[in-house]
């Protein structure tokens, strides 16, 4: 018999939050959500949907509507899966918290997207140091209805499984690609720059900062440049990379990365806020408010 779903969260220590990992796949305990849980979803959903008008990529908003996502209640994964499987062959699975890297890659490679079953507490509306249901479901899932992006995610997962067998440094390079695309990516459209990264669309503050602030760099996507660039986990990003299309991402992942990992191993990493002479610059950031250390 399966035990009750657990809420596996980062642990606070005297050195800050420490990740706690879990691998268990469960049934979404939808009947166990409290009125407070549903209200938290509703508050966040309404706030972000209003804020993202003219900011999010149009396919992100359209796909949320195709799923029937609304502020009424936390969606049922089973309802979403009926739409998702028919469209791109992906499936949402409920997990208890953060997964180990290899486990996460294996799920993606099999077109399974892990979604944390629990949602943040009301006092955590504006910031949470780890993925929760709102980040995963609101932020990540809509673009899985886009066939090209869905294929990119599967290719990324397969690449992660391969990188894990090559070297730890290869995983560092690959993680940067995920960070600067899936989590914090911008896309250039005829209407201007738009957000598609889940870490941005699920954040009130970064939805504004990423497009409106003069502080960050906005630089054209280049695979090798992205994979050697450090990033921030504790503040808004110093640099956002801009793709021209989801096809550009898919094409970038087609080649075998093994020679690329070998080449990158001989190169120094690039600080998160640097602008290189070879960059295609949409905006050179002012750097206002940047911390001088803490890049990872």
C-alpha atoms as a PDB file:
ATOM      1  CA  UNK A   1       0.000   0.000   0.000  1.00  0.00           C
ATOM      2  CA  UNK A   2       1.333   3.418  -0.940  1.00  0.00           C
ATOM      3  CA  UNK A   3       1.998   5.685   2.016  1.00  0.00           C
ATOM      4  CA  UNK A   4       0.528   9.174   2.172  1.00  0.00           C
ATOM      5  CA  UNK A   5       2.134  11.818  -0.012  1.00  0.00           C
ATOM      6  CA  UNK A   6       4.991  13.574   1.729  1.00  0.00           C
ATOM      7  CA  UNK A   7       5.924  17.228   1.449  1.00  0.00           C
ATOM      8  CA  UNK A   8       9.691  17.054   0.877  1.00  0.00           C
ATOM      9  CA  UNK A   9      11.174  20.534   1.254  1.00  0.00           C
ATOM     10  CA  UNK A  10      14.615  22.083   1.541  1.00  0.00           C
ATOM     11  CA  UNK A  11      15.896  22.137   5.100  1.00  0.00           C
ATOM     12  CA  UNK A  12      17.015  25.361   6.762  1.00  0.00           C
ATOM     13  CA  UNK A  13      20.411  25.077   8.463  1.00  0.00           C
ATOM     14  CA  UNK A  14      22.847  27.574   9.939  1.00  0.00           C
ATOM     15  CA  UNK A  15      24.398  27.748   6.457  1.00  0.00           C
ATOM     16  CA  UNK A  16      21.123  28.401   4.666  1.00  0.00           C
ATOM     17  CA  UNK A  17      18.728  26.086   2.849  1.00  0.00           C
ATOM     18  CA  UNK A  18      20.018  22.627   1.958  1.00  0.00           C
ATOM     19  CA  UNK A  19      18.308  20.639  -0.836  1.00  0.00           C
ATOM     20  CA  UNK A  20      16.544  17.429   0.140  1.00  0.00           C
ATOM     21  CA  UNK A  21      15.955  14.960  -2.691  1.00  0.00           C
ATOM     22  CA  UNK A  22      13.256  12.388  -3.303  1.00  0.00           C
ATOM     23  CA  UNK A  23      12.563   9.895  -6.091  1.00  0.00           C
ATOM     24  CA  UNK A  24       9.066   8.625  -5.291  1.00  0.00           C
ATOM     25  CA  UNK A  25       6.332   9.007  -7.904  1.00  0.00           C
ATOM     26  CA  UNK A  26       2.843   9.228  -6.405  1.00  0.00           C
ATOM     27  CA  UNK A  27      -0.765   9.837  -7.315  1.00  0.00           C
ATOM     28  CA  UNK A  28      -1.695  13.489  -7.033  1.00  0.00           C
ATOM     29  CA  UNK A  29      -3.549  13.716  -3.680  1.00  0.00           C
ATOM     30  CA  UNK A  30      -6.093  16.158  -5.095  1.00  0.00           C
ATOM     31  CA  UNK A  31      -8.764  15.457  -2.490  1.00  0.00           C
ATOM     32  CA  UNK A  32      -6.246  16.339   0.206  1.00  0.00           C
ATOM     33  CA  UNK A  33      -5.738  19.936  -0.888  1.00  0.00           C
ATOM     34  CA  UNK A  34      -7.077  22.409   1.633  1.00  0.00           C
ATOM     35  CA  UNK A  35      -9.153  25.501   0.954  1.00  0.00           C
ATOM     36  CA  UNK A  36      -5.981  27.474   1.680  1.00  0.00           C
ATOM     37  CA  UNK A  37      -4.081  25.496  -0.980  1.00  0.00           C
ATOM     38  CA  UNK A  38      -6.730  26.250  -3.601  1.00  0.00           C
ATOM     39  CA  UNK A  39      -6.823  29.908  -2.567  1.00  0.00           C
ATOM     40  CA  UNK A  40      -3.046  30.158  -2.879  1.00  0.00           C
ATOM     41  CA  UNK A  41      -3.253  28.744  -6.403  1.00  0.00           C
ATOM     42  CA  UNK A  42      -6.075  31.155  -7.235  1.00  0.00           C
ATOM     43  CA  UNK A  43      -4.206  34.188  -5.926  1.00  0.00           C
ATOM     44  CA  UNK A  44      -1.018  33.330  -7.792  1.00  0.00           C
ATOM     45  CA  UNK A  45      -2.822  32.336 -10.989  1.00  0.00           C
ATOM     46  CA  UNK A  46      -4.853  35.534 -11.203  1.00  0.00           C
ATOM     47  CA  UNK A  47      -1.885  37.733 -10.356  1.00  0.00           C
ATOM     48  CA  UNK A  48       0.419  36.199 -12.947  1.00  0.00           C
ATOM     49  CA  UNK A  49      -2.163  35.972 -15.706  1.00  0.00           C
ATOM     50  CA  UNK A  50      -2.913  39.680 -15.360  1.00  0.00           C
ATOM     51  CA  UNK A  51       0.769  40.583 -15.189  1.00  0.00           C
ATOM     52  CA  UNK A  52       1.813  38.454 -18.161  1.00  0.00           C
ATOM     53  CA  UNK A  53      -0.434  40.156 -20.690  1.00  0.00           C
ATOM     54  CA  UNK A  54       1.981  41.532 -23.285  1.00  0.00           C
ATOM     55  CA  UNK A  55       4.913  39.895 -21.479  1.00  0.00           C
ATOM     56  CA  UNK A  56       4.602  36.140 -21.904  1.00  0.00           C
ATOM     57  CA  UNK A  57       4.998  34.362 -25.237  1.00  0.00           C
ATOM     58  CA  UNK A  58       1.551  34.058 -26.802  1.00  0.00           C
ATOM     59  CA  UNK A  59       1.765  30.267 -27.048  1.00  0.00           C
ATOM     60  CA  UNK A  60       2.328  30.089 -23.290  1.00  0.00           C
ATOM     61  CA  UNK A  61      -0.960  31.880 -22.588  1.00  0.00           C
ATOM     62  CA  UNK A  62      -2.827  30.063 -25.357  1.00  0.00           C
ATOM     63  CA  UNK A  63      -1.676  26.667 -24.101  1.00  0.00           C
ATOM     64  CA  UNK A  64      -2.792  27.402 -20.553  1.00  0.00           C
ATOM     65  CA  UNK A  65      -6.213  28.031 -22.025  1.00  0.00           C
ATOM     66  CA  UNK A  66      -6.065  24.820 -24.084  1.00  0.00           C
ATOM     67  CA  UNK A  67      -5.475  22.957 -20.831  1.00  0.00           C
ATOM     68  CA  UNK A  68      -8.437  24.708 -19.227  1.00  0.00           C
ATOM     69  CA  UNK A  69      -6.272  26.025 -16.397  1.00  0.00           C
ATOM     70  CA  UNK A  70      -8.100  28.608 -14.308  1.00  0.00           C
ATOM     71  CA  UNK A  71      -8.073  30.296 -10.945  1.00  0.00           C
ATOM     72  CA  UNK A  72     -11.021  28.203  -9.758  1.00  0.00           C
ATOM     73  CA  UNK A  73      -8.993  25.349  -8.263  1.00  0.00           C
ATOM     74  CA  UNK A  74      -5.701  23.480  -8.489  1.00  0.00           C
ATOM     75  CA  UNK A  75      -5.873  21.502 -11.740  1.00  0.00           C
ATOM     76  CA  UNK A  76      -6.083  17.732 -11.670  1.00  0.00           C
ATOM     77  CA  UNK A  77      -3.104  16.119 -13.368  1.00  0.00           C
ATOM     78  CA  UNK A  78      -5.410  13.458 -14.811  1.00  0.00           C
ATOM     79  CA  UNK A  79      -7.404  16.151 -16.647  1.00  0.00           C
ATOM     80  CA  UNK A  80      -4.271  17.813 -17.986  1.00  0.00           C
ATOM     81  CA  UNK A  81      -2.796  14.494 -19.079  1.00  0.00           C
ATOM     82  CA  UNK A  82      -5.741  13.751 -21.331  1.00  0.00           C
ATOM     83  CA  UNK A  83      -4.933  16.901 -23.299  1.00  0.00           C
ATOM     84  CA  UNK A  84      -1.156  16.523 -23.096  1.00  0.00           C
ATOM     85  CA  UNK A  85      -0.885  12.879 -24.141  1.00  0.00           C
ATOM     86  CA  UNK A  86      -3.096  13.432 -27.175  1.00  0.00           C
ATOM     87  CA  UNK A  87      -1.114  16.508 -28.229  1.00  0.00           C
ATOM     88  CA  UNK A  88       2.576  15.705 -27.720  1.00  0.00           C
ATOM     89  CA  UNK A  89       2.747  12.351 -25.963  1.00  0.00           C
ATOM     90  CA  UNK A  90       3.927  13.814 -22.668  1.00  0.00           C
ATOM     91  CA  UNK A  91       2.601  12.867 -19.242  1.00  0.00           C
ATOM     92  CA  UNK A  92       2.653  14.695 -15.909  1.00  0.00           C
ATOM     93  CA  UNK A  93       3.733  12.680 -12.892  1.00  0.00           C
ATOM     94  CA  UNK A  94       3.356  13.783  -9.284  1.00  0.00           C
ATOM     95  CA  UNK A  95       6.478  13.870  -7.129  1.00  0.00           C
ATOM     96  CA  UNK A  96       7.136  14.841  -3.537  1.00  0.00           C
ATOM     97  CA  UNK A  97       9.885  17.374  -4.115  1.00  0.00           C
ATOM     98  CA  UNK A  98      13.221  17.953  -5.817  1.00  0.00           C
ATOM     99  CA  UNK A  99      14.565  14.997  -7.804  1.00  0.00           C
ATOM    100  CA  UNK A 100      18.202  13.918  -8.201  1.00  0.00           C
ATOM    101  CA  UNK A 101      19.570  15.065 -11.549  1.00  0.00           C
ATOM    102  CA  UNK A 102      19.779  11.645 -13.198  1.00  0.00           C
ATOM    103  CA  UNK A 103      16.258  10.708 -12.101  1.00  0.00           C
ATOM    104  CA  UNK A 104      14.954  13.985 -13.525  1.00  0.00           C
ATOM    105  CA  UNK A 105      16.763  13.425 -16.826  1.00  0.00           C
ATOM    106  CA  UNK A 106      15.399   9.887 -17.124  1.00  0.00           C
ATOM    107  CA  UNK A 107      11.831  11.130 -16.709  1.00  0.00           C
ATOM    108  CA  UNK A 108      12.275  13.838 -19.336  1.00  0.00           C
ATOM    109  CA  UNK A 109      13.845  11.376 -21.772  1.00  0.00           C
ATOM    110  CA  UNK A 110      10.714   9.216 -21.399  1.00  0.00           C
ATOM    111  CA  UNK A 111       8.430  12.263 -21.954  1.00  0.00           C
ATOM    112  CA  UNK A 112       7.357  12.347 -18.306  1.00  0.00           C
ATOM    113  CA  UNK A 113       7.380  15.739 -16.608  1.00  0.00           C
ATOM    114  CA  UNK A 114       7.666  15.654 -12.793  1.00  0.00           C
ATOM    115  CA  UNK A 115       5.372  18.108 -10.999  1.00  0.00           C
ATOM    116  CA  UNK A 116       5.684  18.739  -7.276  1.00  0.00           C
ATOM    117  CA  UNK A 117       2.298  17.870  -5.774  1.00  0.00           C
ATOM    118  CA  UNK A 118       2.334  20.477  -2.973  1.00  0.00           C
ATOM    119  CA  UNK A 119       1.922  24.251  -3.224  1.00  0.00           C
ATOM    120  CA  UNK A 120       3.705  26.976  -1.299  1.00  0.00           C
ATOM    121  CA  UNK A 121       2.297  28.502   1.877  1.00  0.00           C
ATOM    122  CA  UNK A 122       0.483  31.871   1.795  1.00  0.00           C
ATOM    123  CA  UNK A 123       3.442  33.610   3.415  1.00  0.00           C
ATOM    124  CA  UNK A 124       5.643  32.334   0.546  1.00  0.00           C
ATOM    125  CA  UNK A 125       3.638  33.878  -2.295  1.00  0.00           C
ATOM    126  CA  UNK A 126       6.470  36.078  -3.547  1.00  0.00           C
ATOM    127  CA  UNK A 127       9.436  33.745  -3.119  1.00  0.00           C
ATOM    128  CA  UNK A 128      10.225  30.083  -2.599  1.00  0.00           C
ATOM    129  CA  UNK A 129      13.733  28.640  -2.837  1.00  0.00           C
ATOM    130  CA  UNK A 130      12.579  25.438  -4.541  1.00  0.00           C
ATOM    131  CA  UNK A 131      10.054  24.299  -7.158  1.00  0.00           C
ATOM    132  CA  UNK A 132       6.471  23.816  -5.977  1.00  0.00           C
ATOM    133  CA  UNK A 133       3.225  22.971  -7.754  1.00  0.00           C
ATOM    134  CA  UNK A 134       2.660  26.524  -8.940  1.00  0.00           C
ATOM    135  CA  UNK A 135       6.122  26.875 -10.459  1.00  0.00           C
ATOM    136  CA  UNK A 136       5.972  23.470 -12.116  1.00  0.00           C
ATOM    137  CA  UNK A 137       2.373  23.498 -13.305  1.00  0.00           C
ATOM    138  CA  UNK A 138       1.799  27.150 -14.158  1.00  0.00           C
ATOM    139  CA  UNK A 139       5.341  27.770 -15.379  1.00  0.00           C
ATOM    140  CA  UNK A 140       6.539  24.615 -17.131  1.00  0.00           C
ATOM    141  CA  UNK A 141       3.573  22.631 -18.337  1.00  0.00           C
ATOM    142  CA  UNK A 142       1.948  24.976 -20.918  1.00  0.00           C
ATOM    143  CA  UNK A 143       4.855  24.827 -23.370  1.00  0.00           C
ATOM    144  CA  UNK A 144       4.795  21.020 -23.338  1.00  0.00           C
ATOM    145  CA  UNK A 145       1.837  21.411 -25.710  1.00  0.00           C
ATOM    146  CA  UNK A 146       4.192  23.017 -28.241  1.00  0.00           C
ATOM    147  CA  UNK A 147       5.500  20.102 -30.369  1.00  0.00           C
ATOM    148  CA  UNK A 148       8.945  21.595 -30.959  1.00  0.00           C
ATOM    149  CA  UNK A 149       9.498  22.614 -27.352  1.00  0.00           C
ATOM    150  CA  UNK A 150       8.200  19.227 -26.205  1.00  0.00           C
ATOM    151  CA  UNK A 151      10.808  17.521 -28.397  1.00  0.00           C
ATOM    152  CA  UNK A 152      13.504  19.848 -27.054  1.00  0.00           C
ATOM    153  CA  UNK A 153      12.650  18.827 -23.497  1.00  0.00           C
ATOM    154  CA  UNK A 154      12.895  15.142 -24.360  1.00  0.00           C
ATOM    155  CA  UNK A 155      16.188  15.699 -26.169  1.00  0.00           C
ATOM    156  CA  UNK A 156      17.477  17.605 -23.147  1.00  0.00           C
ATOM    157  CA  UNK A 157      16.589  14.700 -20.868  1.00  0.00           C
ATOM    158  CA  UNK A 158      18.340  12.190 -23.120  1.00  0.00           C
ATOM    159  CA  UNK A 159      21.346  14.499 -23.230  1.00  0.00           C
ATOM    160  CA  UNK A 160      21.354  14.684 -19.446  1.00  0.00           C
ATOM    161  CA  UNK A 161      21.458  10.901 -19.106  1.00  0.00           C
ATOM    162  CA  UNK A 162      24.425  10.839 -21.478  1.00  0.00           C
ATOM    163  CA  UNK A 163      26.219  13.738 -19.760  1.00  0.00           C
ATOM    164  CA  UNK A 164      25.886  12.039 -16.378  1.00  0.00           C
ATOM    165  CA  UNK A 165      27.990   9.189 -17.727  1.00  0.00           C
ATOM    166  CA  UNK A 166      30.664  11.498 -19.153  1.00  0.00           C
ATOM    167  CA  UNK A 167      31.827  13.790 -16.327  1.00  0.00           C
ATOM    168  CA  UNK A 168      30.515  16.089 -13.583  1.00  0.00           C
ATOM    169  CA  UNK A 169      31.744  19.055 -15.612  1.00  0.00           C
ATOM    170  CA  UNK A 170      29.513  18.005 -18.511  1.00  0.00           C
ATOM    171  CA  UNK A 171      26.493  18.168 -16.197  1.00  0.00           C
ATOM    172  CA  UNK A 172      27.509  21.657 -15.088  1.00  0.00           C
ATOM    173  CA  UNK A 173      27.540  22.797 -18.726  1.00  0.00           C
ATOM    174  CA  UNK A 174      24.200  21.142 -19.465  1.00  0.00           C
ATOM    175  CA  UNK A 175      22.559  22.575 -16.357  1.00  0.00           C
ATOM    176  CA  UNK A 176      23.423  26.068 -17.582  1.00  0.00           C
ATOM    177  CA  UNK A 177      21.560  25.345 -20.816  1.00  0.00           C
ATOM    178  CA  UNK A 178      18.411  24.372 -18.899  1.00  0.00           C
ATOM    179  CA  UNK A 179      18.733  27.361 -16.598  1.00  0.00           C
ATOM    180  CA  UNK A 180      19.062  29.937 -19.353  1.00  0.00           C
ATOM    181  CA  UNK A 181      16.367  28.451 -21.596  1.00  0.00           C
ATOM    182  CA  UNK A 182      13.707  26.372 -19.844  1.00  0.00           C
ATOM    183  CA  UNK A 183      13.851  28.373 -16.618  1.00  0.00           C
ATOM    184  CA  UNK A 184      14.926  31.898 -17.581  1.00  0.00           C
ATOM    185  CA  UNK A 185      14.619  32.197 -21.335  1.00  0.00           C
ATOM    186  CA  UNK A 186      13.325  35.072 -23.457  1.00  0.00           C
ATOM    187  CA  UNK A 187      12.139  34.827 -27.068  1.00  0.00           C
ATOM    188  CA  UNK A 188      12.299  37.493 -29.762  1.00  0.00           C
ATOM    189  CA  UNK A 189       8.925  37.944 -31.495  1.00  0.00           C
ATOM    190  CA  UNK A 190       7.510  40.454 -34.012  1.00  0.00           C
ATOM    191  CA  UNK A 191       5.876  42.150 -31.012  1.00  0.00           C
ATOM    192  CA  UNK A 192       9.157  42.393 -29.112  1.00  0.00           C
ATOM    193  CA  UNK A 193      10.885  40.318 -26.429  1.00  0.00           C
ATOM    194  CA  UNK A 194       8.616  37.910 -24.581  1.00  0.00           C
ATOM    195  CA  UNK A 195       9.066  35.499 -21.681  1.00  0.00           C
ATOM    196  CA  UNK A 196       8.922  31.734 -22.038  1.00  0.00           C
ATOM    197  CA  UNK A 197      11.108  30.569 -19.115  1.00  0.00           C
ATOM    198  CA  UNK A 198       9.172  28.985 -16.247  1.00  0.00           C
ATOM    199  CA  UNK A 199      11.261  30.636 -13.550  1.00  0.00           C
ATOM    200  CA  UNK A 200      10.234  34.028 -14.901  1.00  0.00           C
ATOM    201  CA  UNK A 201       6.554  33.472 -15.748  1.00  0.00           C
ATOM    202  CA  UNK A 202       5.909  32.048 -12.278  1.00  0.00           C
ATOM    203  CA  UNK A 203       7.561  35.038 -10.547  1.00  0.00           C
ATOM    204  CA  UNK A 204       5.868  38.421 -10.180  1.00  0.00           C
ATOM    205  CA  UNK A 205       9.104  40.323  -9.643  1.00  0.00           C
ATOM    206  CA  UNK A 206      11.161  38.678 -12.369  1.00  0.00           C
ATOM    207  CA  UNK A 207       8.318  38.929 -14.905  1.00  0.00           C
ATOM    208  CA  UNK A 208       8.762  42.694 -14.592  1.00  0.00           C
ATOM    209  CA  UNK A 209      12.540  42.814 -14.119  1.00  0.00           C
ATOM    210  CA  UNK A 210      13.452  40.545 -17.029  1.00  0.00           C
ATOM    211  CA  UNK A 211      11.801  42.809 -19.616  1.00  0.00           C
ATOM    212  CA  UNK A 212      11.644  46.274 -18.043  1.00  0.00           C
ATOM    213  CA  UNK A 213      14.776  46.712 -15.944  1.00  0.00           C
ATOM    214  CA  UNK A 214      17.858  48.412 -17.343  1.00  0.00           C
ATOM    215  CA  UNK A 215      20.079  46.319 -15.056  1.00  0.00           C
ATOM    216  CA  UNK A 216      20.383  42.932 -16.836  1.00  0.00           C
ATOM    217  CA  UNK A 217      22.019  42.043 -20.120  1.00  0.00           C
ATOM    218  CA  UNK A 218      19.798  40.638 -22.864  1.00  0.00           C
ATOM    219  CA  UNK A 219      21.922  38.659 -25.290  1.00  0.00           C
ATOM    220  CA  UNK A 220      21.209  36.543 -28.357  1.00  0.00           C
ATOM    221  CA  UNK A 221      21.247  32.783 -27.747  1.00  0.00           C
ATOM    222  CA  UNK A 222      24.427  30.942 -28.634  1.00  0.00           C
ATOM    223  CA  UNK A 223      24.749  27.354 -27.411  1.00  0.00           C
ATOM    224  CA  UNK A 224      28.407  27.387 -26.460  1.00  0.00           C
ATOM    225  CA  UNK A 225      28.149  30.829 -24.866  1.00  0.00           C
ATOM    226  CA  UNK A 226      25.206  29.713 -22.730  1.00  0.00           C
ATOM    227  CA  UNK A 227      26.852  26.478 -21.621  1.00  0.00           C
ATOM    228  CA  UNK A 228      29.942  28.251 -20.298  1.00  0.00           C
ATOM    229  CA  UNK A 229      28.083  31.076 -18.498  1.00  0.00           C
ATOM    230  CA  UNK A 230      27.539  31.006 -14.747  1.00  0.00           C
ATOM    231  CA  UNK A 231      24.205  32.094 -13.279  1.00  0.00           C
ATOM    232  CA  UNK A 232      22.404  33.294 -10.149  1.00  0.00           C
ATOM    233  CA  UNK A 233      20.211  31.216  -7.863  1.00  0.00           C
ATOM    234  CA  UNK A 234      19.661  33.799  -5.125  1.00  0.00           C
ATOM    235  CA  UNK A 235      18.719  36.942  -7.088  1.00  0.00           C
ATOM    236  CA  UNK A 236      17.285  37.938 -10.437  1.00  0.00           C
ATOM    237  CA  UNK A 237      19.521  37.022 -13.361  1.00  0.00           C
ATOM    238  CA  UNK A 238      22.309  39.306 -14.532  1.00  0.00           C
ATOM    239  CA  UNK A 239      21.889  38.041 -18.093  1.00  0.00           C
ATOM    240  CA  UNK A 240      18.967  36.695 -20.102  1.00  0.00           C
ATOM    241  CA  UNK A 241      19.545  34.858 -23.367  1.00  0.00           C
ATOM    242  CA  UNK A 242      17.116  35.490 -26.228  1.00  0.00           C
ATOM    243  CA  UNK A 243      16.129  32.791 -28.714  1.00  0.00           C
ATOM    244  CA  UNK A 244      14.630  33.488 -32.135  1.00  0.00           C
ATOM    245  CA  UNK A 245      12.359  30.429 -32.057  1.00  0.00           C
ATOM    246  CA  UNK A 246      11.854  27.084 -30.334  1.00  0.00           C
ATOM    247  CA  UNK A 247      13.197  25.491 -33.504  1.00  0.00           C
ATOM    248  CA  UNK A 248      16.509  27.198 -32.729  1.00  0.00           C
ATOM    249  CA  UNK A 249      16.633  25.333 -29.408  1.00  0.00           C
ATOM    250  CA  UNK A 250      15.807  22.019 -31.039  1.00  0.00           C
ATOM    251  CA  UNK A 251      18.445  22.457 -33.720  1.00  0.00           C
ATOM    252  CA  UNK A 252      21.027  23.361 -31.078  1.00  0.00           C
ATOM    253  CA  UNK A 253      20.495  20.050 -29.288  1.00  0.00           C
ATOM    254  CA  UNK A 254      20.692  17.794 -32.374  1.00  0.00           C
ATOM    255  CA  UNK A 255      24.505  17.395 -32.535  1.00  0.00           C
ATOM    256  CA  UNK A 256      26.425  15.096 -30.215  1.00  0.00           C
ATOM    257  CA  UNK A 257      27.547  17.253 -27.281  1.00  0.00           C
ATOM    258  CA  UNK A 258      30.584  15.070 -26.465  1.00  0.00           C
ATOM    259  CA  UNK A 259      33.064  17.167 -28.510  1.00  0.00           C
ATOM    260  CA  UNK A 260      31.487  20.329 -27.090  1.00  0.00           C
ATOM    261  CA  UNK A 261      32.027  19.144 -23.515  1.00  0.00           C
ATOM    262  CA  UNK A 262      35.685  18.446 -24.319  1.00  0.00           C
ATOM    263  CA  UNK A 263      36.105  21.915 -25.806  1.00  0.00           C
ATOM    264  CA  UNK A 264      34.375  23.629 -22.882  1.00  0.00           C
ATOM    265  CA  UNK A 265      36.560  21.744 -20.398  1.00  0.00           C
ATOM    266  CA  UNK A 266      39.519  23.771 -21.687  1.00  0.00           C
ATOM    267  CA  UNK A 267      37.731  27.104 -21.382  1.00  0.00           C
ATOM    268  CA  UNK A 268      37.208  29.348 -18.390  1.00  0.00           C
ATOM    269  CA  UNK A 269      33.606  29.883 -17.380  1.00  0.00           C
ATOM    270  CA  UNK A 270      32.069  33.282 -18.075  1.00  0.00           C
ATOM    271  CA  UNK A 271      30.807  35.407 -15.156  1.00  0.00           C
ATOM    272  CA  UNK A 272      27.018  35.801 -15.122  1.00  0.00           C
ATOM    273  CA  UNK A 273      27.120  39.513 -15.914  1.00  0.00           C
ATOM    274  CA  UNK A 274      29.781  39.594 -18.616  1.00  0.00           C
ATOM    275  CA  UNK A 275      29.195  40.812 -22.160  1.00  0.00           C
ATOM    276  CA  UNK A 276      31.598  39.419 -24.770  1.00  0.00           C
ATOM    277  CA  UNK A 277      32.716  41.067 -27.999  1.00  0.00           C
ATOM    278  CA  UNK A 278      31.169  38.156 -29.912  1.00  0.00           C
ATOM    279  CA  UNK A 279      27.725  38.574 -28.322  1.00  0.00           C
ATOM    280  CA  UNK A 280      24.619  39.726 -30.151  1.00  0.00           C
ATOM    281  CA  UNK A 281      23.473  42.341 -27.672  1.00  0.00           C
ATOM    282  CA  UNK A 282      19.827  43.299 -27.345  1.00  0.00           C
ATOM    283  CA  UNK A 283      20.682  45.320 -24.237  1.00  0.00           C
ATOM    284  CA  UNK A 284      23.900  45.857 -22.327  1.00  0.00           C
ATOM    285  CA  UNK A 285      22.803  46.010 -18.712  1.00  0.00           C
ATOM    286  CA  UNK A 286      23.640  48.817 -16.324  1.00  0.00           C
ATOM    287  CA  UNK A 287      24.486  46.311 -13.588  1.00  0.00           C
ATOM    288  CA  UNK A 288      22.562  48.310 -11.018  1.00  0.00           C
ATOM    289  CA  UNK A 289      22.021  46.306  -7.841  1.00  0.00           C
ATOM    290  CA  UNK A 290      24.222  43.390  -8.868  1.00  0.00           C
ATOM    291  CA  UNK A 291      26.101  41.463  -6.197  1.00  0.00           C
ATOM    292  CA  UNK A 292      29.796  40.984  -6.916  1.00  0.00           C
ATOM    293  CA  UNK A 293      29.929  37.321  -5.885  1.00  0.00           C
ATOM    294  CA  UNK A 294      27.642  34.314  -5.754  1.00  0.00           C
ATOM    295  CA  UNK A 295      27.646  33.162  -9.390  1.00  0.00           C
ATOM    296  CA  UNK A 296      27.339  29.382  -9.713  1.00  0.00           C
END
